[in-house]
Amino acid sequence: MADTIDLDAYFKRIGYSGPRGATLDVLEALHALHPAAIAFENLDPLLKRRIHLDTPALEKKLVGQGRGGYCFEHNGLFAAALIALGFRVTGLAARVYVKEMPGRISRSHMVLLVTLPEGRYIADVGFGGWTLSAPLKLDETGEQKTPHGPFQIVPDGAYFFEKTLIDGQWTTLYRFDLEEQFLPDYEVSNWFCASHPDSRFTTELMVARVPKDLRLGLMNRRFSIHYPDGRVERRELASAEDVAAVLEKDFAIRLPEPRAELLAALSRLP
């Protein structure tokens, strides 16, 4: 499923210095650190730049260049690291839901199934503002606590729904099944998401990061900070320079060059 990855460089990028065994403890540690260090972002689609999903390209961008990415990039890189450590990883695909309704795009989200002696776990370090900061046990139907709030996996025949609490209501994030997906499957959805003129990834800015105890989000010009007590702080960013500053400071993204091209794209945000 994945090419060789430089684990030393990846671990340095996410700040991990622990054991290197294929254990649940290691999976949980990596799953917390990855989305805290590497932001979810769609700057390349916004700049009309192609996204490559082979492991060397993901490693170059997300590790070497200090960038973030979206689901195929995050979970593709995470899968490569897990496989290099000896984990058994299966790529899955999910249909994203919007306000309890299935999205109009086909199964456009990448999810990982990690099989351990303790059971089967869902790993997902690339779902934007609702990215998991811990793996979820697939066969546990009750509420599962994570560092960033409760989640739940609800079986429905051959399908599973991942849900979380939003405004006090259990809300479906996506639906998936256990059919294995391969790179060509992801390439189709990746091409649509990164290239189609009707894709939100090519017309809007979506950025997120989940450092300890916080959820940071940026939707176009609206910057949000979600606190553990439920408090949310929001502010509108006035200019493209303001957006760029937040991307660098709060989301820890090394911005792509040339800067003038990026600022021009940010200035067109709604």
Protein backbone atom coordinates (compact mmCIF):
# COMPACT_ATOMS: atom_id res chain seq x y z
CA MET A 1 0.00 0.00 0.00
CA ALA A 2 2.89 2.38 0.64
CA ASP A 3 6.48 3.01 -0.34
CA THR A 4 9.33 3.28 2.15
CA ILE A 5 9.22 6.33 4.43
CA ASP A 6 11.96 8.03 6.43
CA LEU A 7 10.60 7.39 9.92
CA ASP A 8 13.27 9.54 11.60
CA ALA A 9 12.22 12.58 9.57
CA TYR A 10 8.51 11.88 10.09
CA PHE A 11 8.93 11.45 13.85
CA LYS A 12 10.90 14.69 14.05
CA ARG A 13 8.12 16.47 12.15
CA ILE A 14 5.44 15.35 14.60
CA GLY A 15 7.60 15.42 17.73
CA TYR A 16 7.62 11.70 18.52
CA SER A 17 10.51 10.00 20.33
CA GLY A 18 8.91 6.88 21.77
CA PRO A 19 9.01 3.15 20.99
CA ARG A 20 8.74 1.87 17.43
CA GLY A 21 6.63 -1.24 17.86
CA ALA A 22 3.29 -1.99 16.23
CA THR A 23 1.30 -1.59 19.45
CA LEU A 24 -1.87 0.20 20.48
CA ASP A 25 0.12 2.58 22.69
CA VAL A 26 2.28 3.62 19.73
CA LEU A 27 -0.77 4.02 17.48
CA GLU A 28 -2.47 6.24 20.04
CA ALA A 29 0.66 8.37 20.54
CA LEU A 30 1.19 8.90 16.82
CA HIS A 31 -2.50 9.57 16.24
CA ALA A 32 -2.43 12.39 18.79
CA LEU A 33 0.80 13.98 17.55
CA HIS A 34 0.24 13.88 13.78
CA PRO A 35 -2.82 16.20 13.53
CA ALA A 36 -1.40 18.43 16.27
CA ALA A 37 1.75 19.08 14.22
CA ILE A 38 0.56 18.86 10.59
CA ALA A 39 -2.37 21.04 9.57
CA PHE A 40 -5.26 20.07 7.36
CA GLU A 41 -5.16 22.54 4.46
CA ASN A 42 -6.14 22.82 0.80
CA LEU A 43 -3.78 25.52 -0.45
CA ASP A 44 -2.66 23.50 -3.47
CA PRO A 45 -6.19 22.99 -4.89
CA LEU A 46 -6.88 26.66 -4.20
CA LEU A 47 -3.75 27.52 -6.21
CA LYS A 48 -4.77 25.07 -9.00
CA ARG A 49 -1.77 22.87 -8.29
CA ARG A 50 -1.86 19.12 -8.73
CA ILE A 51 -1.76 16.88 -5.66
CA HIS A 52 0.32 13.71 -5.91
CA LEU A 53 -0.49 10.78 -3.63
CA ASP A 54 2.62 8.61 -3.95
CA THR A 55 4.51 8.29 -0.68
CA PRO A 56 7.66 10.18 -1.78
CA ALA A 57 5.52 13.17 -2.84
CA LEU A 58 3.56 13.12 0.44
CA GLU A 59 6.75 12.87 2.46
CA LYS A 60 8.37 15.72 0.53
CA LYS A 61 5.40 18.04 1.01
CA LEU A 62 4.11 17.28 4.52
CA VAL A 63 7.44 16.42 6.13
CA GLY A 64 10.21 18.12 4.15
CA GLN A 65 8.40 21.29 3.09
CA GLY A 66 6.53 21.89 6.34
CA ARG A 67 3.17 21.88 4.62
CA GLY A 68 -0.17 20.32 5.45
CA GLY A 69 -2.66 18.63 3.18
CA TYR A 70 -6.09 17.09 3.00
CA CYS A 71 -7.40 13.59 3.76
CA PHE A 72 -5.64 11.60 1.02
CA GLU A 73 -2.33 13.22 1.93
CA HIS A 74 -2.63 12.98 5.71
CA ASN A 75 -3.92 9.43 5.84
CA GLY A 76 -1.66 8.32 3.01
CA LEU A 77 1.39 9.54 4.91
CA PHE A 78 0.09 8.13 8.20
CA ALA A 79 -0.51 4.74 6.57
CA ALA A 80 3.04 4.70 5.19
CA ALA A 81 4.46 5.38 8.66
CA LEU A 82 2.29 2.74 10.32
CA ILE A 83 3.16 0.11 7.72
CA ALA A 84 6.87 0.88 8.12
CA LEU A 85 6.43 0.19 11.84
CA GLY A 86 4.81 -3.16 11.15
CA PHE A 87 1.14 -2.30 11.59
CA ARG A 88 -1.49 -4.06 9.51
CA VAL A 89 -3.26 -1.22 7.69
CA THR A 90 -6.17 -1.32 5.22
CA GLY A 91 -7.29 1.73 3.27
CA LEU A 92 -11.03 2.44 3.29
CA ALA A 93 -13.30 5.05 1.70
CA ALA A 94 -16.09 7.06 3.32
CA ARG A 95 -19.00 9.15 2.13
CA VAL A 96 -19.01 12.49 3.94
CA TYR A 97 -22.28 13.66 5.46
CA VAL A 98 -23.42 17.27 5.75
CA LYS A 99 -26.04 18.02 8.40
CA GLU A 100 -27.09 14.35 8.53
CA MET A 101 -27.43 14.16 4.75
CA PRO A 102 -24.97 12.33 2.46
CA GLY A 103 -22.75 14.67 0.47
CA ARG A 104 -23.21 14.94 -3.27
CA ILE A 105 -19.67 13.73 -4.00
CA SER A 106 -19.05 9.98 -4.08
CA ARG A 107 -16.93 8.33 -1.38
CA SER A 108 -14.40 11.11 -1.27
CA HIS A 109 -12.79 10.62 2.14
CA MET A 110 -9.91 8.30 3.00
CA VAL A 111 -10.04 6.36 6.28
CA LEU A 112 -7.68 3.72 7.69
CA LEU A 113 -8.46 0.39 9.34
CA VAL A 114 -5.70 -0.78 11.69
CA THR A 115 -5.90 -4.36 12.93
CA LEU A 116 -4.27 -5.13 16.28
CA PRO A 117 -4.43 -8.01 18.77
CA GLU A 118 -6.75 -5.78 20.84
CA GLY A 119 -9.17 -5.47 17.91
CA ARG A 120 -9.88 -3.37 14.82
CA TYR A 121 -9.40 0.39 14.99
CA ILE A 122 -10.35 3.28 12.73
CA ALA A 123 -7.57 5.84 12.28
CA ASP A 124 -8.21 9.18 10.60
CA VAL A 125 -5.79 12.10 10.92
CA GLY A 126 -7.24 14.10 8.03
CA PHE A 127 -10.88 15.11 8.51
CA GLY A 128 -10.50 18.86 8.87
CA GLY A 129 -12.16 20.48 11.85
CA TRP A 130 -13.42 17.14 13.18
CA THR A 131 -10.18 15.20 12.77
CA LEU A 132 -9.72 12.41 15.29
CA SER A 133 -6.93 12.78 17.82
CA ALA A 134 -7.17 9.12 18.82
CA PRO A 135 -8.08 5.89 17.03
CA LEU A 136 -11.60 4.52 17.53
CA LYS A 137 -12.32 0.87 18.19
CA LEU A 138 -14.46 -0.31 15.27
CA ASP A 139 -16.50 -2.85 17.22
CA GLU A 140 -17.23 -0.60 20.21
CA THR A 141 -20.72 0.84 19.70
CA GLY A 142 -20.79 3.10 22.73
CA GLU A 143 -19.34 6.56 23.23
CA GLN A 144 -15.56 6.66 22.86
CA LYS A 145 -13.64 9.48 24.48
CA THR A 146 -10.76 11.20 22.69
CA PRO A 147 -8.57 14.17 23.73
CA HIS A 148 -10.85 16.34 21.59
CA GLY A 149 -14.29 15.13 22.55
CA PRO A 150 -16.51 12.03 22.31
CA PHE A 151 -17.02 10.01 19.14
CA GLN A 152 -19.09 6.99 18.27
CA ILE A 153 -19.07 4.31 15.57
CA VAL A 154 -22.56 3.00 14.81
CA PRO A 155 -22.90 -0.18 12.68
CA ASP A 156 -25.70 -0.39 10.11
CA GLY A 157 -25.64 -3.62 8.13
CA ALA A 158 -22.46 -3.64 6.07
CA TYR A 159 -21.84 0.03 6.86
CA PHE A 160 -20.53 2.03 9.79
CA PHE A 161 -21.37 5.63 10.72
CA GLU A 162 -18.83 7.79 12.52
CA LYS A 163 -20.52 10.38 14.72
CA THR A 164 -19.56 13.09 17.15
CA LEU A 165 -21.35 15.58 19.38
CA ILE A 166 -22.00 18.90 17.65
CA ASP A 167 -24.03 21.50 19.52
CA GLY A 168 -25.16 18.78 21.90
CA GLN A 169 -26.45 16.45 19.17
CA TRP A 170 -24.89 13.24 17.88
CA THR A 171 -24.12 14.11 14.27
CA THR A 172 -22.94 11.84 11.45
CA LEU A 173 -19.58 12.81 9.97
CA TYR A 174 -19.31 10.03 7.41
CA ARG A 175 -20.34 6.50 6.44
CA PHE A 176 -17.91 3.78 5.40
CA ASP A 177 -17.68 0.05 4.79
CA LEU A 178 -14.76 -2.38 4.96
CA GLU A 179 -14.07 -2.80 1.24
CA GLU A 180 -10.34 -2.30 0.75
CA GLN A 181 -9.28 0.67 -1.36
CA PHE A 182 -6.09 1.07 -3.37
CA LEU A 183 -4.14 4.04 -4.71
CA PRO A 184 -6.03 4.11 -8.07
CA ASP A 185 -9.32 4.34 -6.12
CA TYR A 186 -8.09 7.35 -4.19
CA GLU A 187 -6.62 8.96 -7.31
CA VAL A 188 -10.11 9.28 -8.84
CA SER A 189 -11.58 11.10 -5.84
CA ASN A 190 -8.38 13.11 -5.38
CA TRP A 191 -8.57 14.34 -8.97
CA PHE A 192 -12.14 15.55 -8.51
CA CYS A 193 -11.50 17.20 -5.15
CA ALA A 194 -8.32 18.96 -6.30
CA SER A 195 -9.32 19.84 -9.87
CA HIS A 196 -13.06 20.10 -10.48
CA PRO A 197 -14.34 23.68 -10.70
CA ASP A 198 -17.32 22.76 -8.50
CA SER A 199 -15.18 21.25 -5.76
CA ARG A 200 -15.13 23.27 -2.54
CA PHE A 201 -11.41 22.53 -2.28
CA THR A 202 -10.73 24.63 -5.40
CA THR A 203 -12.89 27.58 -4.40
CA GLU A 204 -12.74 27.88 -0.60
CA LEU A 205 -10.05 27.78 2.06
CA MET A 206 -10.39 25.04 4.69
CA VAL A 207 -7.71 24.71 7.37
CA ALA A 208 -7.64 22.91 10.72
CA ARG A 209 -5.24 21.77 13.40
CA VAL A 210 -5.83 19.95 16.69
CA PRO A 211 -3.11 20.84 19.18
CA LYS A 212 -3.57 19.65 22.75
CA ASP A 213 -6.90 20.78 24.24
CA LEU A 214 -7.85 22.97 21.25
CA ARG A 215 -9.44 22.74 17.84
CA LEU A 216 -8.32 25.45 15.45
CA GLY A 217 -10.29 26.12 12.29
CA LEU A 218 -10.16 28.53 9.37
CA MET A 219 -12.98 28.66 6.86
CA ASN A 220 -12.14 31.26 4.23
CA ARG A 221 -11.59 34.35 6.43
CA ARG A 222 -13.27 33.12 9.64
CA PHE A 223 -10.76 31.92 12.23
CA SER A 224 -12.17 29.79 15.08
CA ILE A 225 -10.69 28.50 18.32
CA HIS A 226 -12.69 25.77 20.09
CA TYR A 227 -11.87 25.35 23.80
CA PRO A 228 -12.37 22.21 25.94
CA ASP A 229 -15.14 23.90 27.98
CA GLY A 230 -17.23 24.39 24.83
CA ARG A 231 -16.37 28.05 24.42
CA VAL A 232 -15.70 29.16 20.84
CA GLU A 233 -13.78 32.28 19.86
CA ARG A 234 -14.29 33.52 16.31
CA ARG A 235 -12.96 36.46 14.34
CA GLU A 236 -13.00 37.60 10.73
CA LEU A 237 -9.63 38.23 9.11
CA ALA A 238 -9.63 41.47 7.20
CA SER A 239 -6.99 40.89 4.52
CA ALA A 240 -5.02 38.28 2.63
CA GLU A 241 -1.97 39.21 4.69
CA ASP A 242 -3.94 38.55 7.87
CA VAL A 243 -4.96 35.12 6.57
CA ALA A 244 -1.36 34.32 5.63
CA ALA A 245 -0.17 35.35 9.09
CA VAL A 246 -2.68 33.05 10.80
CA LEU A 247 -1.71 30.18 8.49
CA GLU A 248 1.92 30.58 9.51
CA LYS A 249 1.52 31.37 13.21
CA ASP A 250 -1.52 29.40 14.36
CA PHE A 251 -1.54 26.54 11.88
CA ALA A 252 2.26 26.18 11.66
CA ILE A 253 2.23 25.98 7.86
CA ARG A 254 5.29 26.91 5.85
CA LEU A 255 3.55 28.82 3.08
CA PRO A 256 4.03 27.86 -0.57
CA GLU A 257 5.89 30.16 -2.90
CA PRO A 258 5.60 32.48 -4.71
CA ARG A 259 3.96 34.48 -1.95
CA ALA A 260 2.37 36.92 -4.38
CA GLU A 261 0.46 34.09 -6.04
CA LEU A 262 -0.77 32.85 -2.68
CA LEU A 263 -1.86 36.32 -1.53
CA ALA A 264 -3.74 36.80 -4.79
CA ALA A 265 -5.66 33.55 -4.19
CA LEU A 266 -6.37 34.47 -0.57
CA SER A 267 -7.63 37.89 -1.60
CA ARG A 268 -10.34 36.21 -3.71
CA LEU A 269 -11.82 34.29 -0.77
CA PRO A 270 -15.49 35.01 -0.05
